Protein backbone atom coordinates (compact mmCIF):
# COMPACT_ATOMS: atom_id res chain seq x y z
CA MET A 1 75.26 75.37 131.45
CA PRO A 2 74.23 78.05 128.94
CA SER A 3 75.67 77.78 125.48
CA ARG A 4 74.49 80.92 123.71
CA ARG A 5 76.05 84.34 123.54
CA ASP A 6 72.61 85.78 124.38
CA ASP A 7 72.99 84.50 127.95
CA HIS A 8 75.85 86.93 128.58
CA ASP A 9 73.90 89.89 129.97
CA VAL A 10 71.65 87.74 132.16
CA GLY A 11 74.57 85.82 133.63
CA VAL A 12 76.75 88.84 134.28
CA ARG A 13 73.96 90.78 136.00
CA MET A 14 73.69 87.98 138.54
CA ILE A 15 77.02 88.85 140.13
CA ASP A 16 77.74 92.40 138.96
CA GLY A 17 76.56 93.82 142.27
CA LEU A 18 79.23 91.95 144.25
CA ASP A 19 82.96 92.47 144.38
CA ASP A 20 85.26 89.54 143.67
CA GLU A 21 86.25 88.99 147.29
CA GLU A 22 82.60 88.75 148.36
CA ILE A 23 81.86 86.31 145.54
CA VAL A 24 84.71 84.04 146.62
CA ARG A 25 83.68 84.26 150.27
CA ARG A 26 80.15 83.16 149.41
CA LEU A 27 81.39 80.31 147.23
CA VAL A 28 83.57 78.98 150.01
CA GLU A 29 80.67 79.25 152.48
CA CYS A 30 78.41 77.19 150.21
CA SER A 31 81.24 74.72 149.45
CA CYS A 32 80.92 75.53 145.75
CA GLU A 33 77.50 73.89 145.60
CA GLY A 34 73.88 74.92 145.27
CA PRO A 35 72.16 78.00 143.76
CA GLN A 36 74.93 80.52 144.51
CA TRP A 37 77.53 78.31 142.87
CA GLU A 38 75.29 77.78 139.83
CA THR A 39 74.72 81.52 139.56
CA VAL A 40 78.43 82.27 139.51
CA ALA A 41 79.08 79.41 137.09
CA ILE A 42 76.50 80.81 134.66
CA ALA A 43 78.05 84.27 134.83
CA LEU A 44 81.56 82.88 134.32
CA TRP A 45 80.35 80.81 131.39
CA ALA A 46 78.76 83.84 129.74
CA PHE A 47 81.79 86.07 130.26
CA CYS A 48 84.31 83.47 129.10
CA PHE A 49 82.35 82.25 126.10
CA ARG A 50 82.00 85.74 124.71
CA ALA A 51 85.69 86.40 125.32
CA VAL A 52 86.82 83.16 123.68
CA GLU A 53 84.47 83.60 120.74
CA ASP A 54 85.79 87.11 120.17
CA MET A 55 89.41 85.95 120.41
CA VAL A 56 88.87 83.08 117.99
CA MET A 57 86.93 85.05 115.40
CA GLY A 58 89.02 88.19 115.81
CA GLY A 59 92.35 86.41 115.52
CA SER A 60 93.74 87.41 118.92
CA LEU A 61 93.68 83.93 120.49
CA ALA A 62 97.31 83.20 119.61
CA ARG A 63 98.61 86.40 121.22
CA ARG A 64 96.61 85.83 124.40
CA THR A 65 97.61 82.19 124.79
CA GLU A 66 101.27 82.83 123.97
CA LYS A 67 101.39 84.98 127.09
CA LEU A 68 100.24 81.91 129.04
CA HIS A 69 102.94 79.76 127.36
CA ARG A 70 100.24 77.49 125.91
CA PRO A 71 99.86 78.92 122.40
CA ILE A 72 96.79 78.11 120.34
CA ARG A 73 97.25 79.12 116.71
CA LEU A 74 94.47 78.93 114.15
CA SER A 75 94.78 79.55 110.43
CA ASP A 76 92.31 81.73 108.55
CA ASP A 77 90.72 78.56 107.14
CA GLU A 78 90.33 77.09 110.63
CA ARG A 79 88.73 80.26 111.95
CA GLU A 80 86.38 80.23 108.99
CA ALA A 81 85.52 76.59 109.70
CA LEU A 82 84.61 77.51 113.28
CA ARG A 83 82.58 80.44 112.03
CA ARG A 84 80.64 78.12 109.71
CA ASP A 85 80.13 75.51 112.42
CA PRO A 86 80.02 77.33 115.79
CA GLN A 87 78.93 74.12 117.52
CA ASP A 88 82.51 72.83 117.24
CA LEU A 89 83.76 75.84 119.18
CA ALA A 90 80.96 75.49 121.73
CA GLU A 91 81.85 71.84 122.33
CA MET A 92 85.55 72.58 122.79
CA PHE A 93 84.70 75.47 125.08
CA SER A 94 82.41 73.24 127.16
CA ILE A 95 85.21 70.73 127.76
CA ALA A 96 87.63 73.45 128.83
CA PHE A 97 85.04 75.24 130.96
CA GLU A 98 84.07 72.14 132.95
CA LYS A 99 87.71 71.32 133.64
CA GLN A 100 88.46 74.86 134.75
CA LEU A 101 85.30 75.04 136.87
CA ASP A 102 86.28 71.83 138.71
CA TYR A 103 89.82 73.09 139.21
CA PHE A 104 88.59 76.50 140.36
CA ALA A 105 86.29 74.93 142.97
CA THR A 106 89.00 72.57 144.21
CA CYS A 107 91.44 75.44 144.68
CA LEU A 108 88.92 77.67 146.46
CA LEU A 109 87.97 74.95 148.92
CA ALA A 110 91.64 74.20 149.55
CA GLY A 111 92.31 77.86 150.36
CA SER A 112 94.41 78.45 147.26
CA GLY A 113 93.81 79.84 143.78
CA TRP A 114 92.47 83.38 143.34
CA ARG A 115 93.22 85.89 146.09
CA ALA A 116 92.03 89.47 146.47
CA GLY A 117 94.67 92.03 145.61
CA ALA A 118 97.06 89.39 144.30
CA GLY A 119 96.68 90.10 140.60
CA LEU A 120 93.88 89.69 138.08
CA PRO A 121 90.16 90.26 138.62
CA LEU A 122 88.28 87.04 139.28
CA ARG A 123 86.76 86.68 135.83
CA ALA A 124 90.04 87.36 134.01
CA TYR A 125 91.78 84.88 136.32
CA PHE A 126 89.16 82.23 135.52
CA LEU A 127 89.43 82.97 131.79
CA ASN A 128 93.19 82.42 131.84
CA GLY A 129 92.70 79.05 133.47
CA LEU A 130 90.07 78.12 130.91
CA LEU A 131 92.42 79.04 128.05
CA LEU A 132 95.02 76.68 129.49
CA HIS A 133 92.45 73.89 129.35
CA LEU A 134 91.24 74.88 125.87
CA ARG A 135 94.47 73.87 124.18
CA ASN A 136 93.89 70.11 124.33
CA PRO A 137 90.37 70.04 122.85
CA MET A 138 91.50 72.54 120.22
CA ARG A 139 94.45 70.32 119.43
CA GLY A 140 92.14 67.31 119.08
CA TRP A 141 89.86 69.23 116.71
CA TRP A 142 92.81 70.45 114.68
CA ARG A 143 94.36 66.98 114.57
CA ALA A 144 91.08 65.46 113.34
CA ARG A 145 90.83 68.03 110.56
CA ARG A 146 94.42 67.47 109.50
CA ARG A 147 94.04 63.69 109.65
CA MET A 148 90.96 63.89 107.43
CA ALA A 149 92.83 66.04 104.91
CA VAL A 150 95.77 63.64 104.86
CA GLU A 151 93.48 60.61 104.51
CA VAL A 152 91.71 62.22 101.57
CA ARG A 153 95.05 62.90 99.89
CA MET A 154 96.63 59.52 100.64
CA GLY A 155 93.59 57.28 100.28
CA ASP A 156 94.26 53.78 101.58
CA ALA A 157 98.03 54.20 101.95
CA SER A 158 99.60 52.88 105.14
CA PRO A 159 101.19 55.28 107.65
CA LEU A 160 104.67 54.35 106.39
CA GLU A 161 103.58 54.95 102.81
CA GLN A 162 102.18 58.28 103.91
CA TYR A 163 105.51 59.15 105.48
CA ARG A 164 107.34 58.22 102.28
CA ASP A 165 105.38 60.78 100.32
CA GLU A 166 107.70 63.65 99.45
CA ASP A 167 105.26 66.30 100.63
CA LEU A 168 104.39 64.61 103.91
CA GLY A 169 106.81 65.36 106.73
CA PRO A 170 107.04 63.49 110.03
CA GLU A 171 104.85 66.00 111.79
CA GLU A 172 102.05 65.30 109.30
CA TRP A 173 102.59 61.58 109.68
CA LEU A 174 102.24 62.09 113.41
CA ILE A 175 98.86 63.62 112.73
CA ALA A 176 97.79 61.10 110.11
CA THR A 177 98.58 57.87 111.93
CA GLU A 178 96.07 56.48 114.39
CA ASP A 179 98.86 54.95 116.51
CA ILE A 180 100.29 58.26 117.67
CA GLU A 181 101.77 56.83 120.86
CA ALA A 182 103.79 54.22 118.95
CA LEU A 183 105.15 56.85 116.59
CA VAL A 184 106.18 59.13 119.45
CA VAL A 185 107.99 56.19 121.08
CA ALA A 186 109.76 55.44 117.80
CA LEU A 187 110.79 59.08 117.44
CA HIS A 188 112.03 59.28 121.02
CA ASP A 189 113.98 56.04 120.77
CA PHE A 190 115.62 57.27 117.58
CA ASP A 191 116.51 60.72 118.92
CA PRO A 192 114.79 62.60 121.78
CA ALA A 193 115.53 65.98 120.20
CA LEU A 194 113.87 64.89 116.96
CA CYS A 195 110.85 63.70 118.94
CA ASP A 196 110.60 67.11 120.61
CA ALA A 197 110.96 68.84 117.24
CA VAL A 198 108.33 66.79 115.42
CA THR A 199 105.74 66.99 118.18
CA LEU A 200 106.38 70.73 118.50
CA ARG A 201 105.85 71.15 114.77
CA ALA A 202 102.61 69.16 114.89
CA ASP A 203 101.41 71.10 117.91
CA THR A 204 102.35 74.65 116.90
CA GLY A 205 102.93 74.80 113.16
CA TRP A 206 106.15 76.76 113.76
CA SER A 207 108.82 76.89 111.06
CA TRP A 208 111.60 74.29 111.22
CA ALA A 209 114.10 77.12 111.71
CA ARG A 210 112.33 78.29 114.85
CA ILE A 211 111.90 74.74 116.11
CA ALA A 212 115.61 74.04 115.58
CA GLN A 213 116.34 76.91 117.96
CA GLU A 214 113.83 75.62 120.50
CA VAL A 215 115.38 72.12 120.59
CA GLU A 216 118.94 73.48 120.35
CA LEU A 217 119.85 71.92 117.01
CA SER A 218 121.14 73.55 113.85
CA PRO A 219 118.61 73.62 110.99
CA ASN A 220 120.90 71.36 108.95
CA ARG A 221 121.21 68.82 111.76
CA LEU A 222 117.45 68.76 112.26
CA SER A 223 116.94 68.19 108.53
CA GLU A 224 119.45 65.33 108.64
CA LEU A 225 117.66 63.72 111.57
CA ARG A 226 114.33 63.85 109.76
CA ARG A 227 115.82 62.13 106.71
CA ASP A 228 117.67 59.59 108.87
CA PHE A 229 114.49 58.73 110.75
CA LEU A 230 112.71 57.98 107.49
CA GLU A 231 115.55 55.68 106.44
CA HIS A 232 115.40 54.02 109.85
CA LEU A 233 111.67 53.35 109.43
CA ARG A 234 112.20 51.96 105.95
CA TYR A 235 114.88 49.61 107.23
CA ILE A 236 112.72 48.41 110.11
CA ASP A 237 109.81 47.97 107.72
CA GLN A 238 111.92 45.87 105.35
CA MET A 239 113.08 43.72 108.25
CA GLY A 240 109.50 43.17 109.37
CA GLY A 241 110.18 44.77 112.74
CA ASP A 242 108.31 47.04 115.11
CA HIS A 243 108.73 50.78 114.46
CA GLY A 244 108.78 51.36 118.19
CA SER A 245 111.57 48.89 118.93
């Protein structure tokens, strides 16, 4: 697949002479294989990459993805990091594109997915699906950056020692620890609402006040649960037990 913005005009010209319904008909006829499928895939890649690049660099990605209920929020520093190293964005885009392309083909051949007159143009429909798939690779990239920052700050400290740090909340510990699954289990066993709150914080960066509303807790109660969970971990640690038990 192409990976440069320069491919946009070439790819789009390949299918600009056809309406969306005709494109879909041809794709179904060729079983989403062969030259016609590759032509459409190139054009979709070019259209979507330019759109995603513009959304990321222009700061509109959050607004667009919020409408899809899969928000992707990037700070100014994160956007600048992607501007300095565009290969990171290209790699994340590639993961999302391949997943959406497979899903798109599966739906077309099953007689579902995009339909003429049912809503969005084909390319906008495909882009929305790609944005849904983009969240996970973006989250992985963001988590790796945050983990690196925490590791630099905490040095060789253990995850529990990291959590004890006054400036390191449970959502940052969730990012810093390698054993994320075990921590999520420990959070859920302690209090499911706290687990939802902490993972939401790590995933979205929302304020605790907003998260308290989302998980239907008062801000004070959520703050109490965070403190209580830390005390619980300290107790388990002193007893030599498993944080997930």
